[in-house]
Amino acid sequence: MEVLRVFNNNVVLARDELGREVVVTGRGVGFKKKSGDPVDPALTVTGQNTTQERTTTA
């Protein structure tokens, strides 16, 4: 996984191996990280997929 945005030391937005955006939480997962840095899987507690299907009503 690759960091897209750091929210704080414990929460980052990342892109997984399939290209999906996920919110990753874990103690210190965002500490001293910048966009493009890899996410350490040992620090990852949870990952939440942020992709949503959009539907339109007519």
C-alpha atoms as a PDB file:
ATOM      1  CA  MET A   1       0.000   0.000   0.000  1.00  0.00           C
ATOM      2  CA  GLU A   2       1.067   3.548  -0.758  1.00  0.00           C
ATOM      3  CA  VAL A   3       0.229   6.645   1.284  1.00  0.00           C
ATOM      4  CA  LEU A   4      -1.932   9.225  -0.507  1.00  0.00           C
ATOM      5  CA  ARG A   5      -2.648  11.559   2.424  1.00  0.00           C
ATOM      6  CA  VAL A   6      -1.737  11.639   6.110  1.00  0.00           C
ATOM      7  CA  PHE A   7      -4.577  12.715   8.401  1.00  0.00           C
ATOM      8  CA  ASN A   8      -2.628  12.262  11.652  1.00  0.00           C
ATOM      9  CA  ASN A   9      -0.156   9.825  13.231  1.00  0.00           C
ATOM     10  CA  ASN A  10      -2.783   7.090  13.409  1.00  0.00           C
ATOM     11  CA  VAL A  11      -4.858   7.528  10.217  1.00  0.00           C
ATOM     12  CA  VAL A  12      -3.811   7.686   6.547  1.00  0.00           C
ATOM     13  CA  LEU A  13      -5.511   7.473   3.174  1.00  0.00           C
ATOM     14  CA  ALA A  14      -3.705   4.899   1.033  1.00  0.00           C
ATOM     15  CA  ARG A  15      -4.000   3.101  -2.301  1.00  0.00           C
ATOM     16  CA  ASP A  16      -3.943  -0.700  -2.104  1.00  0.00           C
ATOM     17  CA  GLU A  17      -2.467  -3.168  -4.587  1.00  0.00           C
ATOM     18  CA  LEU A  18      -5.718  -3.218  -6.593  1.00  0.00           C
ATOM     19  CA  GLY A  19      -5.778   0.574  -6.936  1.00  0.00           C
ATOM     20  CA  ARG A  20      -8.577   1.162  -4.421  1.00  0.00           C
ATOM     21  CA  GLU A  21      -8.441   3.977  -1.883  1.00  0.00           C
ATOM     22  CA  VAL A  22      -8.548   2.759   1.709  1.00  0.00           C
ATOM     23  CA  VAL A  23      -8.500   4.518   5.072  1.00  0.00           C
ATOM     24  CA  VAL A  24      -5.864   2.789   7.188  1.00  0.00           C
ATOM     25  CA  THR A  25      -5.777   3.077  10.973  1.00  0.00           C
ATOM     26  CA  GLY A  26      -3.215   1.855  13.447  1.00  0.00           C
ATOM     27  CA  ARG A  27      -0.904   3.182  16.110  1.00  0.00           C
ATOM     28  CA  GLY A  28       1.754   5.334  14.424  1.00  0.00           C
ATOM     29  CA  VAL A  29       0.830   4.268  10.869  1.00  0.00           C
ATOM     30  CA  GLY A  30       1.165   7.892   9.651  1.00  0.00           C
ATOM     31  CA  PHE A  31       4.156   8.918  11.769  1.00  0.00           C
ATOM     32  CA  LYS A  32       6.727  10.753   9.586  1.00  0.00           C
ATOM     33  CA  LYS A  33       4.983   9.570   6.394  1.00  0.00           C
ATOM     34  CA  LYS A  34       4.513  11.564   3.187  1.00  0.00           C
ATOM     35  CA  SER A  35       2.562  10.935  -0.018  1.00  0.00           C
ATOM     36  CA  GLY A  36       4.093   8.042  -1.922  1.00  0.00           C
ATOM     37  CA  ASP A  37       5.630   6.331   1.115  1.00  0.00           C
ATOM     38  CA  PRO A  38       4.774   2.662   1.686  1.00  0.00           C
ATOM     39  CA  VAL A  39       2.452   1.684   4.552  1.00  0.00           C
ATOM     40  CA  ASP A  40       3.981  -0.730   7.065  1.00  0.00           C
ATOM     41  CA  PRO A  41       1.546  -3.695   7.267  1.00  0.00           C
ATOM     42  CA  ALA A  42       2.793  -4.511  10.789  1.00  0.00           C
ATOM     43  CA  LEU A  43       1.327  -1.193  12.019  1.00  0.00           C
ATOM     44  CA  THR A  44      -1.993  -1.568  10.193  1.00  0.00           C
ATOM     45  CA  VAL A  45      -4.993  -2.375  12.380  1.00  0.00           C
ATOM     46  CA  THR A  46      -7.909  -1.801   9.990  1.00  0.00           C
ATOM     47  CA  GLY A  47      -8.508  -0.711   6.430  1.00  0.00           C
ATOM     48  CA  GLN A  48     -11.804   0.710   5.159  1.00  0.00           C
ATOM     49  CA  ASN A  49     -12.561   0.882   1.432  1.00  0.00           C
ATOM     50  CA  THR A  50     -13.615   4.432   0.452  1.00  0.00           C
ATOM     51  CA  THR A  51     -14.941   3.654  -3.031  1.00  0.00           C
ATOM     52  CA  GLN A  52     -18.685   4.073  -3.382  1.00  0.00           C
ATOM     53  CA  GLU A  53     -21.020   3.251  -6.238  1.00  0.00           C
ATOM     54  CA  ARG A  54     -22.894   6.307  -7.372  1.00  0.00           C
ATOM     55  CA  THR A  55     -26.422   5.917  -8.621  1.00  0.00           C
ATOM     56  CA  THR A  56     -28.634   8.517 -10.189  1.00  0.00           C
ATOM     57  CA  THR A  57     -32.370   8.734  -9.972  1.00  0.00           C
ATOM     58  CA  ALA A  58     -34.399  10.030 -12.852  1.00  0.00           C
END
